[in-house]
Protein backbone atom coordinates (compact mmCIF):
# COMPACT_ATOMS: atom_id res chain seq x y z
CA MET A 1 61.90 -22.62 192.02
CA ASN A 2 61.87 -19.93 189.32
CA ASN A 3 65.68 -19.92 189.26
CA LEU A 4 65.87 -23.55 188.26
CA THR A 5 66.68 -24.42 184.73
CA ALA A 6 64.27 -26.32 182.58
CA ARG A 7 66.41 -29.40 182.95
CA GLU A 8 66.35 -29.14 186.73
CA LYS A 9 62.66 -28.52 186.70
CA GLY A 10 62.13 -31.58 184.53
CA PHE A 11 64.29 -33.62 186.80
CA LEU A 12 62.34 -32.37 189.79
CA TYR A 13 59.05 -33.26 188.15
CA VAL A 14 60.35 -36.75 187.40
CA VAL A 15 61.49 -37.22 191.00
CA THR A 16 58.15 -35.93 192.29
CA LEU A 17 56.30 -38.30 189.97
CA LEU A 18 58.45 -41.20 191.13
CA ILE A 19 57.76 -40.30 194.76
CA ILE A 20 54.05 -40.19 194.00
CA VAL A 21 54.24 -43.57 192.22
CA VAL A 22 56.21 -45.08 195.09
CA LEU A 23 53.77 -43.70 197.63
CA ALA A 24 50.84 -44.92 195.55
CA TYR A 25 52.40 -48.35 195.39
CA PHE A 26 53.13 -48.58 199.09
CA PHE A 27 49.89 -47.07 200.28
CA GLY A 28 47.59 -48.19 197.47
CA ILE A 29 48.50 -51.05 195.19
CA ARG A 30 50.51 -52.93 197.78
CA THR A 31 47.66 -52.65 200.28
CA LEU A 32 45.18 -53.76 197.64
CA ASN A 33 47.36 -56.71 196.72
CA LYS A 34 47.54 -57.68 200.34
CA LYS A 35 43.75 -57.38 200.65
CA TYR A 36 43.35 -59.38 197.46
CA ASP A 37 45.49 -62.20 198.83
CA GLU A 38 43.46 -62.18 202.03
CA TYR A 39 40.19 -62.24 200.11
CA LYS A 40 41.48 -64.97 197.87
CA ALA A 41 42.47 -67.09 200.88
CA GLU A 42 39.08 -66.41 202.49
CA LEU A 43 37.34 -67.39 199.25
CA GLN A 44 39.29 -70.63 199.19
CA THR A 45 38.26 -71.32 202.78
CA LEU A 46 34.62 -70.56 202.01
CA GLN A 47 34.68 -72.75 198.94
CA GLU A 48 36.13 -75.61 200.99
CA ARG A 49 33.49 -74.98 203.66
CA LYS A 50 30.75 -75.01 201.02
CA ALA A 51 32.05 -78.26 199.58
CA TYR A 52 32.04 -79.76 203.08
CA LEU A 53 28.49 -78.58 203.74
CA ASP A 54 27.31 -79.84 200.35
CA GLN A 55 28.79 -83.23 201.15
CA LEU A 56 27.25 -83.12 204.60
CA ARG A 57 23.87 -82.26 203.08
CA GLU A 58 24.14 -85.20 200.71
CA ASN A 59 25.11 -87.43 203.61
CA ASN A 60 22.16 -86.12 205.63
CA ALA A 61 19.79 -86.82 202.75
CA SER A 62 21.20 -90.32 202.41
CA MET A 63 20.97 -90.83 206.17
CA ALA A 64 17.38 -89.55 206.17
CA ASN A 65 16.51 -92.11 203.51
CA GLU A 66 18.17 -94.84 205.55
CA ILE A 67 16.27 -93.72 208.65
CA GLU A 68 12.96 -93.87 206.75
CA MET A 69 13.86 -97.33 205.45
CA LEU A 70 14.70 -98.47 208.98
CA LYS A 71 11.44 -96.99 210.27
CA ALA A 72 9.55 -98.85 207.56
CA SER A 73 11.31 -102.07 208.53
CA CYS A 74 10.57 -101.49 212.22
CA SER A 75 6.92 -100.73 211.40
CA GLU A 76 6.66 -103.91 209.37
CA ILE A 77 8.01 -105.94 212.27
CA GLU A 78 5.74 -104.16 214.75
CA LEU A 79 2.67 -104.72 212.59
CA SER A 80 3.52 -108.41 212.25
CA PHE A 81 2.36 -108.70 215.89
CA ILE A 82 -0.98 -107.76 217.42
CA ASP A 83 -0.67 -104.18 218.62
CA LYS A 84 -2.80 -104.65 221.73
CA LEU A 85 -4.28 -107.69 223.46
CA GLU A 86 -7.65 -107.01 225.05
CA THR A 87 -9.32 -110.07 226.53
CA GLU A 88 -12.87 -108.83 225.95
CA CYS A 89 -12.19 -108.32 222.24
CA ILE A 90 -10.36 -111.63 221.88
CA GLY A 91 -13.09 -113.50 223.75
CA GLN A 92 -15.79 -111.92 221.60
CA TYR A 93 -13.90 -112.83 218.44
CA VAL A 94 -13.40 -116.45 219.50
CA LEU A 95 -17.03 -116.96 220.53
CA LYS A 96 -18.39 -115.43 217.33
CA THR A 97 -16.07 -117.52 215.17
CA PHE A 98 -17.29 -120.75 216.78
CA GLU A 99 -20.91 -119.61 216.59
CA ASP A 100 -20.60 -118.71 212.89
CA ALA A 101 -19.03 -122.13 212.23
CA GLY A 102 -22.08 -123.87 213.73
CA CYS A 103 -20.54 -124.71 217.11
CA PRO A 104 -22.31 -122.43 219.60
CA PHE A 105 -22.74 -124.67 222.65
CA LEU A 106 -20.11 -123.18 224.93
CA ILE A 107 -19.28 -124.87 228.21
CA SER A 108 -16.49 -122.56 229.37
CA LEU A 109 -14.09 -119.86 228.23
CA SER A 110 -11.09 -118.59 230.18
CA THR A 111 -8.13 -116.35 229.44
CA ALA A 112 -4.67 -116.12 230.98
CA ASP A 113 -1.54 -114.10 230.42
CA VAL A 114 1.41 -116.29 229.47
CA GLY A 115 4.82 -115.22 230.77
CA MET A 116 7.31 -114.63 227.97
CA ALA A 117 11.11 -114.46 228.17
CA ALA A 118 12.58 -110.95 228.55
CA VAL A 119 14.91 -109.52 225.92
CA THR A 120 18.45 -109.01 227.28
CA TYR A 121 20.95 -106.64 225.64
CA PRO A 122 24.64 -107.58 225.16
CA ASP A 123 25.56 -105.34 228.11
CA GLY A 124 23.31 -107.37 230.39
CA THR A 125 20.49 -104.84 230.71
CA THR A 126 16.87 -105.79 230.02
CA SER A 127 14.95 -104.26 227.15
CA PRO A 128 11.77 -102.34 228.05
CA ASP A 129 10.18 -103.94 224.96
CA GLY A 130 9.04 -107.52 224.82
CA LEU A 131 6.67 -110.19 223.55
CA VAL A 132 3.31 -110.71 225.29
CA CYS A 133 0.87 -113.59 224.96
CA THR A 134 -2.75 -114.12 225.96
CA SER A 135 -3.98 -117.71 226.05
CA VAL A 136 -7.68 -118.49 225.52
CA SER A 137 -9.05 -121.86 226.60
CA VAL A 138 -12.48 -122.87 225.32
CA THR A 139 -14.62 -125.92 225.86
CA TYR A 140 -17.64 -126.69 223.72
CA SER A 141 -20.20 -129.47 223.60
CA SER A 142 -21.46 -131.38 220.61
CA THR A 143 -25.08 -132.50 220.44
CA ASP A 144 -25.98 -136.10 221.27
CA GLY A 145 -27.93 -137.01 218.15
CA TYR A 146 -31.20 -137.25 220.02
CA THR A 147 -32.10 -134.37 222.32
CA VAL A 148 -33.71 -131.18 221.06
CA THR A 149 -31.20 -128.33 221.16
CA GLN A 150 -31.55 -124.74 222.32
CA TYR A 151 -29.21 -121.80 221.83
CA ASN A 152 -29.99 -118.55 223.64
CA LEU A 153 -33.72 -118.08 223.01
CA ASN A 154 -33.94 -120.24 219.92
CA PRO A 155 -36.43 -121.85 220.33
CA ASP A 156 -38.02 -119.35 222.68
CA PHE A 157 -39.49 -121.00 225.79
CA THR A 158 -40.11 -117.80 227.75
CA SER A 159 -43.41 -116.24 228.65
CA LYS A 160 -42.75 -113.65 225.94
CA ALA A 161 -42.56 -116.26 223.17
CA THR A 162 -44.71 -115.65 220.08
CA VAL A 163 -45.77 -119.31 219.94
CA PRO A 164 -47.22 -120.66 223.22
CA VAL A 165 -44.56 -122.56 225.15
CA GLU A 166 -46.74 -125.66 225.58
CA GLU A 167 -47.26 -125.87 221.84
CA THR A 168 -43.56 -125.48 221.07
CA ILE A 169 -42.56 -128.17 223.57
CA SER A 170 -45.27 -130.52 222.33
CA GLN A 171 -44.08 -130.17 218.73
CA LEU A 172 -40.39 -130.51 219.53
CA SER A 173 -40.81 -133.45 221.92
CA GLU A 174 -42.15 -135.49 219.01
CA GLN A 175 -38.97 -134.71 217.07
CA MET A 176 -36.59 -136.13 219.68
CA GLY A 177 -34.16 -138.37 217.84
CA GLN A 178 -35.68 -137.47 214.49
CA GLY A 179 -34.52 -135.40 211.50
CA GLU A 180 -31.84 -132.85 212.33
CA TYR A 181 -31.80 -133.98 215.97
CA ALA A 182 -30.81 -137.53 214.96
CA LYS A 183 -27.32 -136.38 213.98
CA ARG A 184 -24.60 -135.58 216.47
CA LYS A 185 -23.21 -132.19 215.44
CA GLY A 186 -20.31 -130.17 216.75
CA TYR A 187 -17.08 -132.00 215.97
CA ASP A 188 -16.64 -130.91 212.35
CA GLU A 189 -17.90 -127.44 213.20
CA PHE A 190 -15.44 -127.19 216.09
CA LEU A 191 -12.51 -128.04 213.80
CA LYS A 192 -13.81 -125.63 211.15
CA ALA A 193 -13.75 -122.76 213.66
CA LEU A 194 -10.24 -123.64 214.83
CA LYS A 195 -8.95 -123.76 211.25
CA LYS A 196 -10.41 -120.34 210.57
CA ILE A 197 -8.87 -118.87 213.72
CA ASN A 198 -5.52 -120.48 213.00
CA SER A 199 -5.47 -119.03 209.47
CA GLU A 200 -6.62 -115.55 210.50
CA ASN A 201 -3.13 -114.37 211.43
CA PRO A 202 -0.65 -117.28 211.24
CA ASP A 203 2.19 -115.22 212.75
CA CYS A 204 0.30 -114.15 215.87
CA ILE A 205 -2.58 -116.57 216.44
CA LYS A 206 -1.81 -120.23 217.01
CA VAL A 207 -3.95 -123.12 218.18
CA SER A 208 -1.69 -124.94 220.62
CA ASN A 209 -3.83 -127.73 222.02
CA ILE A 210 -6.95 -129.69 221.04
CA THR A 211 -8.62 -132.41 223.11
CA VAL A 212 -11.79 -134.40 222.52
CA THR A 213 -13.45 -136.57 225.16
CA GLU A 214 -16.88 -138.17 225.49
CA SER A 215 -19.20 -137.65 228.40
CA ASN A 216 -22.83 -138.64 228.81
CA GLY A 217 -23.25 -139.27 225.11
CA VAL A 218 -21.80 -135.97 223.90
CA LEU A 219 -18.35 -134.91 222.77
CA VAL A 220 -16.55 -132.44 225.02
CA LEU A 221 -14.33 -130.38 222.70
CA SER A 222 -11.52 -128.28 224.14
CA ALA A 223 -8.82 -126.12 222.61
CA THR A 224 -6.20 -123.59 223.65
CA ILE A 225 -5.55 -120.60 221.39
CA ASN A 226 -2.56 -118.29 221.90
CA PHE A 227 -2.60 -114.66 220.76
CA TYR A 228 0.82 -112.97 220.48
CA GLY A 229 1.47 -109.23 220.68
CA THR A 230 4.18 -106.81 221.75
CA SER A 231 4.70 -104.33 224.54
CA LEU A 232 6.75 -101.48 223.02
CA LYS A 233 7.97 -98.41 224.88
CA ASN A 234 8.51 -96.28 221.76
CA ARG A 235 6.20 -97.71 219.11
CA ILE A 236 6.61 -96.30 215.60
CA SER A 237 3.72 -97.81 213.67
CA VAL A 238 -0.03 -97.38 214.06
CA ASP A 239 -2.20 -100.43 213.43
CA GLU A 240 -5.22 -99.29 211.42
CA SER A 241 -6.42 -102.76 210.46
CA HIS A 242 -9.13 -102.89 213.16
CA ALA A 243 -9.02 -106.68 213.20
CA ALA A 244 -11.94 -108.35 214.98
CA TYR A 245 -9.68 -109.68 217.74
CA THR A 246 -8.20 -106.26 218.59
CA TYR A 247 -11.24 -103.96 218.50
CA TRP A 248 -14.69 -104.38 220.00
CA ASN A 249 -17.17 -105.41 217.32
CA GLY A 250 -20.05 -106.57 219.49
CA HIS A 251 -23.14 -104.91 220.90
CA THR A 252 -22.88 -101.55 222.60
CA ASN A 253 -25.28 -99.59 224.82
CA VAL A 254 -26.78 -102.82 226.19
CA ASP A 255 -29.66 -102.14 228.56
CA THR A 256 -28.63 -103.47 231.98
CA LYS A 257 -31.34 -101.75 234.00
CA GLY A 258 -32.72 -105.05 235.22
CA GLY A 259 -29.29 -106.51 235.99
CA PHE A 260 -27.02 -108.43 233.69
CA ILE A 261 -24.49 -110.36 235.77
CA GLY A 262 -25.69 -113.68 237.18
CA PHE A 263 -28.51 -115.86 235.86
CA PRO A 264 -31.27 -116.50 238.46
CA TYR A 265 -33.26 -119.72 238.57
CA VAL A 266 -36.45 -117.84 237.76
CA CYS A 267 -36.27 -114.27 236.43
CA ASP A 268 -39.35 -112.22 237.24
CA ASN A 269 -37.76 -108.80 236.74
CA LYS A 270 -39.54 -107.20 233.78
CA ASP A 271 -36.57 -104.89 233.21
CA SER A 272 -34.19 -107.80 232.76
CA LEU A 273 -33.19 -109.24 229.39
CA TRP A 274 -33.75 -112.64 231.03
CA TYR A 275 -37.34 -111.90 232.03
CA GLY A 276 -39.43 -115.03 231.60
CA VAL A 277 -36.40 -117.35 231.36
CA GLN A 278 -35.99 -120.22 233.81
CA ASN A 279 -32.59 -121.69 234.63
CA ARG A 280 -33.14 -125.36 235.41
CA GLU A 281 -30.02 -127.12 236.72
CA LEU A 282 -30.13 -130.89 236.54
CA ASP A 283 -28.00 -133.77 237.73
CA ALA A 284 -24.46 -133.11 236.47
CA THR A 285 -24.21 -136.68 235.20
CA LYS A 286 -27.20 -136.09 232.92
CA ALA A 287 -26.75 -132.43 232.06
CA LYS A 288 -26.44 -131.55 228.37
CA PRO A 289 -24.99 -128.08 227.78
CA PHE A 290 -26.57 -127.81 224.33
CA ALA A 291 -30.13 -128.80 225.24
CA ALA A 292 -33.23 -127.03 226.48
CA TYR A 293 -33.86 -127.87 230.13
CA TRP A 294 -37.19 -129.57 229.40
CA ALA A 295 -35.64 -131.69 226.64
CA ASN A 296 -32.87 -132.73 228.99
CA ALA A 297 -35.42 -133.63 231.66
CA LEU A 298 -37.55 -135.54 229.16
CA PHE A 299 -34.54 -137.49 227.93
CA ALA A 300 -33.60 -138.36 231.51
CA GLN A 301 -37.14 -139.55 232.23
CA GLN A 302 -37.27 -141.63 229.06
CA LEU A 303 -33.86 -143.11 229.75
CA GLU A 304 -34.83 -144.03 233.30
CA ALA A 305 -38.14 -145.53 232.20
CA ALA A 306 -36.58 -147.45 229.31
CA GLY A 307 -34.05 -149.23 231.47
CA ASP A 308 -32.08 -151.75 229.41
CA SER A 309 -33.94 -150.80 226.26
CA TYR A 310 -32.23 -147.37 226.07
CA VAL A 311 -30.31 -148.58 223.02
CA ARG A 312 -33.52 -148.53 221.00
CA LEU A 313 -34.28 -145.08 222.34
CA ILE A 314 -31.16 -143.56 220.80
CA GLY A 315 -31.53 -145.41 217.50
CA PHE A 316 -29.27 -148.45 217.78
CA GLU A 317 -30.38 -151.82 216.41
CA ALA A 318 -30.82 -154.13 219.38
CA GLU A 319 -33.35 -156.46 220.87
CA ALA A 320 -35.12 -154.43 223.49
CA GLU A 321 -38.56 -153.74 224.81
CA PRO A 322 -40.48 -150.84 223.27
CA THR A 323 -39.78 -147.53 224.91
CA PRO A 324 -42.62 -146.42 227.20
CA SER A 325 -44.16 -143.11 226.24
CA VAL A 326 -43.57 -140.29 228.65
CA SER A 327 -45.41 -136.99 228.72
CA PRO A 328 -43.33 -133.87 228.20
CA ALA A 329 -42.00 -132.00 231.21
CA PRO A 330 -44.09 -129.02 232.41
CA ALA A 331 -43.64 -125.95 230.26
CA ALA A 332 -41.73 -122.91 231.39
CA GLN A 333 -43.86 -120.18 232.88
């Protein structure tokens, strides 16, 4: 090495430097370039992936909004029907509506489930969801424009009455066919109650049938009311309206110690809510569902005694003999 000339040494240094540069290129820069290209390609892939995920996220957000809108629409449809049909609640609602309208003299109330058509899918299978209907049939009586009325214990003719029974009957018997008892009531009140029920929820409550007949001097008023609801397997909405026809709004914790089902002819059980009440059944052809038993009996006696002059008894202008006076029926004990 020491024998080399300066020129040779310079040449050797140049060659060595070139070798180092070449080696650096092959083992350094070239490798880094290759890595750079790989990283650049990976970056491009990640950027494309990010763009896809961003688009997917936007689509998911849009889809979530659509799902919420569909849920709201489904809830609106669900809530347009009665969420649950319970006969005791419906019956209570119907009876109270008629009573509040001034038509309390119930003859009968019955309920029945009405079969509704099943929903069939295009593939022929049957939907687990469907429409349900409960039909309520009621029959009420008007008054006759003569006989003294009684509803529940008003007036009170039991042994627990504040005013002695004999005194109450004596006073009321003189009012037969007079004042408020001279007007036949029930028809307008019956229609008023039906109109209120029909307007309560026009989509789900519909009065389907009304009949009026006359029997024994009173109007027999009947109607059929249909309540529509749904039976849904996977319900979305929750009905928080607590409408009177879907939730119990009547008395609770009623004392039934003395028995509650079945009305005896004479109730002598001091634990019973009917203690002191007598159930007097009369001839079906003369029975008046709205009247106190004694008033019904007195009317029957007067009618029988009057004979052909009964027209004068009920207030019609006609030539007839004066109506014989009849003492009131015995008071309830």
